């Protein structure tokens, strides 16, 4: 048997194995997404719920931000200097801006408070 024919057998076998492996992984990933239980999320998110979702002391600035922006959509497009003029500390500005960006992209939402029985 020549080297070329051996090489063709090896590559065709590995391609078949990789395609069945990748299709089973995709099927497993889709299957797990369809039947996983979702975590509870708030239906209506305002500035207080947004800041409570961030936590780390940022919720102390609810009154300032509500009086300045009034709406979550305006807060989501706010810039650093505007938050700095409201005398919000640097650490809290970073957290607000980071979570606002993730919220706009749909990667993060504040969790709903679970009811304790």
N, C-alpha and C. Protein backbone atom coordinates (compact mmCIF):
# COMPACT_ATOMS: atom_id res chain seq x y z
N UNK A 1 0.84 -1.17 0.00
CA UNK A 1 0.00 0.00 0.00
C UNK A 1 0.89 1.24 0.00
N UNK A 2 0.56 2.18 -0.81
CA UNK A 2 1.40 3.37 -0.89
C UNK A 2 1.07 4.35 0.24
N UNK A 3 1.96 5.27 0.46
CA UNK A 3 1.80 6.26 1.53
C UNK A 3 0.60 7.16 1.27
N UNK A 4 0.33 7.45 0.01
CA UNK A 4 -0.80 8.32 -0.33
C UNK A 4 -2.11 7.65 0.03
N UNK A 5 -2.27 6.39 -0.29
CA UNK A 5 -3.52 5.71 0.03
C UNK A 5 -3.69 5.55 1.54
N UNK A 6 -2.61 5.33 2.27
CA UNK A 6 -2.69 5.25 3.74
C UNK A 6 -3.12 6.59 4.30
N UNK A 7 -2.53 7.64 3.78
CA UNK A 7 -2.86 8.99 4.24
C UNK A 7 -4.33 9.30 3.98
N UNK A 8 -4.84 8.91 2.80
CA UNK A 8 -6.25 9.15 2.48
C UNK A 8 -7.16 8.40 3.44
N UNK A 9 -6.81 7.17 3.78
CA UNK A 9 -7.62 6.40 4.73
C UNK A 9 -7.63 7.07 6.10
N UNK A 10 -6.48 7.51 6.54
CA UNK A 10 -6.38 8.15 7.87
C UNK A 10 -7.20 9.43 7.91
N UNK A 11 -7.06 10.27 6.88
CA UNK A 11 -7.79 11.54 6.89
C UNK A 11 -9.29 11.34 6.74
N UNK A 12 -9.72 10.39 5.92
CA UNK A 12 -11.16 10.17 5.76
C UNK A 12 -11.76 9.61 7.04
N UNK A 13 -11.05 8.73 7.73
CA UNK A 13 -11.53 8.18 8.99
C UNK A 13 -11.60 9.25 10.06
N UNK A 14 -10.58 10.08 10.13
CA UNK A 14 -10.59 11.13 11.15
C UNK A 14 -11.66 12.17 10.86
N UNK A 15 -11.93 12.48 9.59
CA UNK A 15 -12.99 13.42 9.25
C UNK A 15 -14.36 12.87 9.63
N UNK A 16 -14.58 11.57 9.40
CA UNK A 16 -15.86 10.97 9.77
C UNK A 16 -16.04 10.99 11.29
N UNK A 17 -14.99 10.65 12.01
CA UNK A 17 -15.07 10.64 13.47
C UNK A 17 -15.30 12.04 14.02
N UNK A 18 -14.61 13.03 13.47
CA UNK A 18 -14.76 14.39 13.98
C UNK A 18 -16.14 14.94 13.66
N UNK A 19 -16.71 14.59 12.51
CA UNK A 19 -18.04 15.10 12.17
C UNK A 19 -19.10 14.48 13.07
N UNK A 20 -18.99 13.20 13.38
CA UNK A 20 -19.97 12.59 14.28
C UNK A 20 -19.79 13.11 15.69
N UNK A 21 -18.54 13.35 16.09
CA UNK A 21 -18.29 13.88 17.42
C UNK A 21 -18.84 15.28 17.55
N UNK A 22 -18.59 16.14 16.55
CA UNK A 22 -19.06 17.52 16.62
C UNK A 22 -20.58 17.58 16.56
N UNK A 23 -21.22 16.72 15.76
CA UNK A 23 -22.68 16.74 15.70
C UNK A 23 -23.28 16.27 17.02
N UNK A 24 -22.64 15.32 17.70
CA UNK A 24 -23.18 14.89 18.99
C UNK A 24 -22.99 15.97 20.05
N UNK A 25 -21.87 16.73 19.97
CA UNK A 25 -21.67 17.82 20.91
C UNK A 25 -22.68 18.94 20.69
N UNK A 26 -22.94 19.27 19.44
CA UNK A 26 -23.92 20.30 19.13
C UNK A 26 -25.29 19.85 19.60
N UNK A 27 -25.66 18.59 19.34
CA UNK A 27 -26.94 18.08 19.78
C UNK A 27 -27.07 18.15 21.30
N UNK A 28 -26.02 17.78 22.02
CA UNK A 28 -26.03 17.83 23.48
C UNK A 28 -26.17 19.26 23.96
N UNK A 29 -25.46 20.20 23.34
CA UNK A 29 -25.51 21.59 23.75
C UNK A 29 -26.90 22.18 23.53
N UNK A 30 -27.51 21.89 22.38
CA UNK A 30 -28.85 22.38 22.08
C UNK A 30 -29.85 21.73 23.03
N UNK A 31 -29.68 20.45 23.27
CA UNK A 31 -30.59 19.73 24.16
C UNK A 31 -30.54 20.33 25.56
N UNK A 32 -29.37 20.63 26.06
CA UNK A 32 -29.26 21.17 27.41
C UNK A 32 -29.82 22.58 27.49
N UNK A 33 -29.75 23.35 26.40
CA UNK A 33 -30.32 24.70 26.42
C UNK A 33 -31.84 24.67 26.42
N UNK A 34 -32.42 23.71 25.73
CA UNK A 34 -33.87 23.68 25.61
C UNK A 34 -34.55 23.25 26.90
N UNK A 35 -33.91 22.41 27.68
CA UNK A 35 -34.58 21.84 28.83
C UNK A 35 -34.02 22.30 30.17
N UNK A 36 -33.13 23.29 30.17
CA UNK A 36 -32.62 23.77 31.45
C UNK A 36 -33.64 24.71 32.06
N UNK A 37 -33.62 24.78 33.37
CA UNK A 37 -34.52 25.70 34.05
C UNK A 37 -33.88 27.06 34.10
N UNK A 38 -34.63 28.07 33.80
CA UNK A 38 -34.09 29.41 33.79
C UNK A 38 -34.19 30.02 35.18
N UNK A 39 -33.27 30.91 35.47
CA UNK A 39 -33.29 31.58 36.75
C UNK A 39 -34.32 32.69 36.71
N UNK A 40 -34.88 33.05 37.87
CA UNK A 40 -35.93 34.07 37.88
C UNK A 40 -35.37 35.46 37.58
N UNK A 41 -35.99 36.16 36.66
CA UNK A 41 -35.58 37.52 36.31
C UNK A 41 -36.75 38.46 36.52
N UNK A 42 -36.43 39.71 36.79
CA UNK A 42 -37.46 40.72 36.93
C UNK A 42 -38.08 41.01 35.58
N UNK A 43 -39.37 41.28 35.59
CA UNK A 43 -40.05 41.62 34.36
C UNK A 43 -39.77 43.08 34.02
N UNK A 44 -39.98 43.96 34.99
CA UNK A 44 -39.74 45.40 34.80
C UNK A 44 -38.49 45.78 35.56
N UNK A 45 -37.53 46.33 34.87
CA UNK A 45 -36.29 46.74 35.50
C UNK A 45 -36.19 48.25 35.45
N UNK A 46 -36.11 48.85 36.63
CA UNK A 46 -35.90 50.29 36.74
C UNK A 46 -34.53 50.54 37.33
N UNK A 47 -34.25 51.80 37.63
CA UNK A 47 -32.95 52.15 38.21
C UNK A 47 -32.73 51.49 39.56
N UNK A 48 -33.73 51.48 40.49
CA UNK A 48 -33.48 50.82 41.79
C UNK A 48 -33.18 49.33 41.65
N UNK A 49 -33.94 48.63 40.80
CA UNK A 49 -33.71 47.19 40.62
C UNK A 49 -32.36 46.93 39.96
N UNK A 50 -31.99 47.80 39.02
CA UNK A 50 -30.71 47.66 38.34
C UNK A 50 -29.56 47.81 39.33
N UNK A 51 -29.62 48.82 40.18
CA UNK A 51 -28.54 49.06 41.13
C UNK A 51 -28.51 47.99 42.23
N UNK A 52 -29.68 47.51 42.65
CA UNK A 52 -29.70 46.42 43.63
C UNK A 52 -29.13 45.14 43.04
N UNK A 53 -29.32 44.94 41.75
CA UNK A 53 -28.76 43.78 41.08
C UNK A 53 -27.24 43.83 41.02
N UNK A 54 -26.69 45.03 40.91
CA UNK A 54 -25.23 45.19 40.90
C UNK A 54 -24.67 44.94 42.30
N UNK A 55 -25.37 45.45 43.33
CA UNK A 55 -24.96 45.32 44.74
C UNK A 55 -23.66 46.07 45.00
N UNK A 56 -22.81 45.57 45.89
CA UNK A 56 -21.52 46.18 46.25
C UNK A 56 -21.62 47.64 46.68
N UNK A 57 -22.75 48.04 47.27
CA UNK A 57 -22.90 49.40 47.77
C UNK A 57 -23.37 50.40 46.74
N UNK A 58 -23.59 49.97 45.52
CA UNK A 58 -24.02 50.89 44.46
C UNK A 58 -25.46 51.34 44.69
N UNK A 59 -26.24 50.54 45.38
CA UNK A 59 -27.65 50.89 45.60
C UNK A 59 -27.82 52.12 46.47
N UNK A 60 -26.75 52.62 47.08
CA UNK A 60 -26.82 53.84 47.88
C UNK A 60 -27.04 55.08 47.02
N UNK A 61 -26.83 54.97 45.72
CA UNK A 61 -26.94 56.12 44.82
C UNK A 61 -28.26 56.15 44.06
N UNK A 62 -29.26 55.42 44.53
CA UNK A 62 -30.54 55.34 43.82
C UNK A 62 -31.18 56.71 43.68
N UNK A 63 -31.25 57.47 44.77
CA UNK A 63 -31.93 58.77 44.73
C UNK A 63 -31.26 59.73 43.77
N UNK A 64 -29.92 59.79 43.82
CA UNK A 64 -29.18 60.69 42.92
C UNK A 64 -29.45 60.35 41.47
N UNK A 65 -29.34 59.06 41.14
CA UNK A 65 -29.47 58.65 39.74
C UNK A 65 -30.90 58.77 39.24
N UNK A 66 -31.88 58.50 40.10
CA UNK A 66 -33.27 58.64 39.68
C UNK A 66 -33.62 60.10 39.44
N UNK A 67 -33.11 60.99 40.30
CA UNK A 67 -33.42 62.41 40.10
C UNK A 67 -32.71 62.97 38.87
N UNK A 68 -31.51 62.48 38.57
CA UNK A 68 -30.74 62.98 37.43
C UNK A 68 -31.23 62.37 36.11
N UNK A 69 -31.43 61.06 36.07
CA UNK A 69 -31.76 60.38 34.81
C UNK A 69 -33.25 60.10 34.68
N UNK A 70 -33.89 59.62 35.74
CA UNK A 70 -35.32 59.35 35.72
C UNK A 70 -35.71 58.05 35.03
N UNK A 71 -34.91 57.56 34.13
CA UNK A 71 -35.25 56.38 33.36
C UNK A 71 -34.01 55.50 33.21
N UNK A 72 -34.19 54.20 33.22
CA UNK A 72 -33.07 53.28 33.09
C UNK A 72 -32.38 53.42 31.74
N UNK A 73 -33.14 53.67 30.68
CA UNK A 73 -32.54 53.77 29.35
C UNK A 73 -31.56 54.93 29.27
N UNK A 74 -31.84 56.02 29.98
CA UNK A 74 -30.91 57.16 29.99
C UNK A 74 -29.67 56.82 30.81
N UNK A 75 -29.84 56.03 31.86
CA UNK A 75 -28.69 55.62 32.66
C UNK A 75 -27.79 54.68 31.87
N UNK A 76 -28.39 53.85 31.04
CA UNK A 76 -27.61 52.86 30.27
C UNK A 76 -26.69 53.51 29.25
N UNK A 77 -27.00 54.73 28.82
CA UNK A 77 -26.14 55.41 27.84
C UNK A 77 -25.33 56.53 28.49
N UNK A 78 -25.35 56.61 29.81
CA UNK A 78 -24.60 57.65 30.53
C UNK A 78 -23.11 57.41 30.39
N UNK A 79 -22.34 58.48 30.48
CA UNK A 79 -20.90 58.41 30.38
C UNK A 79 -20.27 58.66 31.74
N UNK A 80 -18.99 58.41 31.81
CA UNK A 80 -18.24 58.51 33.06
C UNK A 80 -18.30 59.91 33.65
N UNK A 81 -18.10 60.94 32.84
CA UNK A 81 -18.05 62.30 33.36
C UNK A 81 -19.37 62.73 34.00
N UNK A 82 -20.46 62.29 33.42
CA UNK A 82 -21.76 62.65 33.99
C UNK A 82 -21.94 62.01 35.36
N UNK A 83 -21.51 60.74 35.49
CA UNK A 83 -21.58 60.07 36.79
C UNK A 83 -20.61 60.71 37.78
N UNK A 84 -19.48 61.16 37.28
CA UNK A 84 -18.48 61.79 38.14
C UNK A 84 -19.00 63.12 38.68
N UNK A 85 -19.73 63.87 37.86
CA UNK A 85 -20.32 65.14 38.31
C UNK A 85 -21.36 64.93 39.40
N UNK A 86 -21.94 63.74 39.45
CA UNK A 86 -22.90 63.41 40.51
C UNK A 86 -22.19 62.93 41.78
N UNK A 87 -20.86 62.97 41.77
CA UNK A 87 -20.02 62.57 42.91
C UNK A 87 -20.20 61.11 43.29
N UNK A 88 -20.29 60.26 42.28
CA UNK A 88 -20.34 58.82 42.50
C UNK A 88 -18.90 58.32 42.49
N UNK A 89 -18.48 57.56 43.51
CA UNK A 89 -17.09 57.10 43.58
C UNK A 89 -16.69 56.27 42.36
N UNK A 90 -15.39 56.27 42.10
CA UNK A 90 -14.84 55.61 40.91
C UNK A 90 -15.22 54.13 40.84
N UNK A 91 -15.10 53.43 41.95
CA UNK A 91 -15.42 51.99 41.97
C UNK A 91 -16.87 51.74 41.58
N UNK A 92 -17.77 52.59 42.08
CA UNK A 92 -19.18 52.43 41.76
C UNK A 92 -19.47 52.82 40.32
N UNK A 93 -18.78 53.87 39.82
CA UNK A 93 -18.95 54.24 38.41
C UNK A 93 -18.55 53.09 37.50
N UNK A 94 -17.43 52.46 37.81
CA UNK A 94 -16.97 51.33 37.00
C UNK A 94 -18.00 50.21 36.99
N UNK A 95 -18.53 49.89 38.17
CA UNK A 95 -19.53 48.81 38.25
C UNK A 95 -20.79 49.17 37.46
N UNK A 96 -21.25 50.40 37.59
CA UNK A 96 -22.46 50.82 36.88
C UNK A 96 -22.24 50.75 35.37
N UNK A 97 -21.11 51.27 34.91
CA UNK A 97 -20.85 51.28 33.47
C UNK A 97 -20.64 49.88 32.91
N UNK A 98 -19.96 49.02 33.68
CA UNK A 98 -19.72 47.65 33.24
C UNK A 98 -21.04 46.88 33.12
N UNK A 99 -21.89 47.01 34.14
CA UNK A 99 -23.16 46.28 34.11
C UNK A 99 -24.13 46.90 33.09
N UNK A 100 -24.06 48.20 32.88
CA UNK A 100 -24.91 48.83 31.87
C UNK A 100 -24.55 48.30 30.48
N UNK A 101 -23.26 48.16 30.22
CA UNK A 101 -22.84 47.62 28.93
C UNK A 101 -23.31 46.19 28.75
N UNK A 102 -23.15 45.38 29.79
CA UNK A 102 -23.61 43.98 29.71
C UNK A 102 -25.12 43.91 29.55
N UNK A 103 -25.85 44.80 30.23
CA UNK A 103 -27.31 44.82 30.13
C UNK A 103 -27.75 45.18 28.71
N UNK A 104 -27.08 46.17 28.12
CA UNK A 104 -27.42 46.57 26.74
C UNK A 104 -27.19 45.44 25.76
N UNK A 105 -26.13 44.64 25.99
CA UNK A 105 -25.83 43.52 25.10
C UNK A 105 -26.71 42.29 25.37
N UNK A 106 -27.44 42.31 26.48
CA UNK A 106 -28.28 41.17 26.84
C UNK A 106 -27.53 40.06 27.54
N UNK A 107 -26.36 40.36 28.08
CA UNK A 107 -25.56 39.34 28.76
C UNK A 107 -25.83 39.27 30.25
N UNK A 108 -26.49 40.28 30.81
CA UNK A 108 -26.72 40.31 32.25
C UNK A 108 -28.05 40.98 32.52
N UNK A 109 -28.76 40.47 33.52
CA UNK A 109 -29.97 41.10 34.03
C UNK A 109 -29.99 40.92 35.53
N UNK A 110 -30.57 41.89 36.25
CA UNK A 110 -30.67 41.71 37.70
C UNK A 110 -31.63 40.57 38.03
N UNK A 111 -31.24 39.76 38.99
CA UNK A 111 -32.08 38.63 39.38
C UNK A 111 -33.23 39.10 40.25
N UNK A 112 -34.35 38.40 40.16
CA UNK A 112 -35.49 38.70 41.02
C UNK A 112 -35.20 38.19 42.42
N UNK A 113 -35.74 38.87 43.41
CA UNK A 113 -35.57 38.40 44.78
C UNK A 113 -36.44 37.17 44.98
N UNK A 114 -35.84 36.12 45.54
CA UNK A 114 -36.59 34.90 45.79
C UNK A 114 -37.41 35.07 47.05
N UNK A 115 -38.60 34.53 47.05
CA UNK A 115 -39.48 34.63 48.20
C UNK A 115 -39.15 33.51 49.17
N UNK A 116 -38.84 33.88 50.41
CA UNK A 116 -38.51 32.87 51.43
C UNK A 116 -39.79 32.46 52.13
N UNK A 117 -39.97 31.14 52.24
CA UNK A 117 -41.20 30.62 52.87
C UNK A 117 -40.88 30.11 54.25
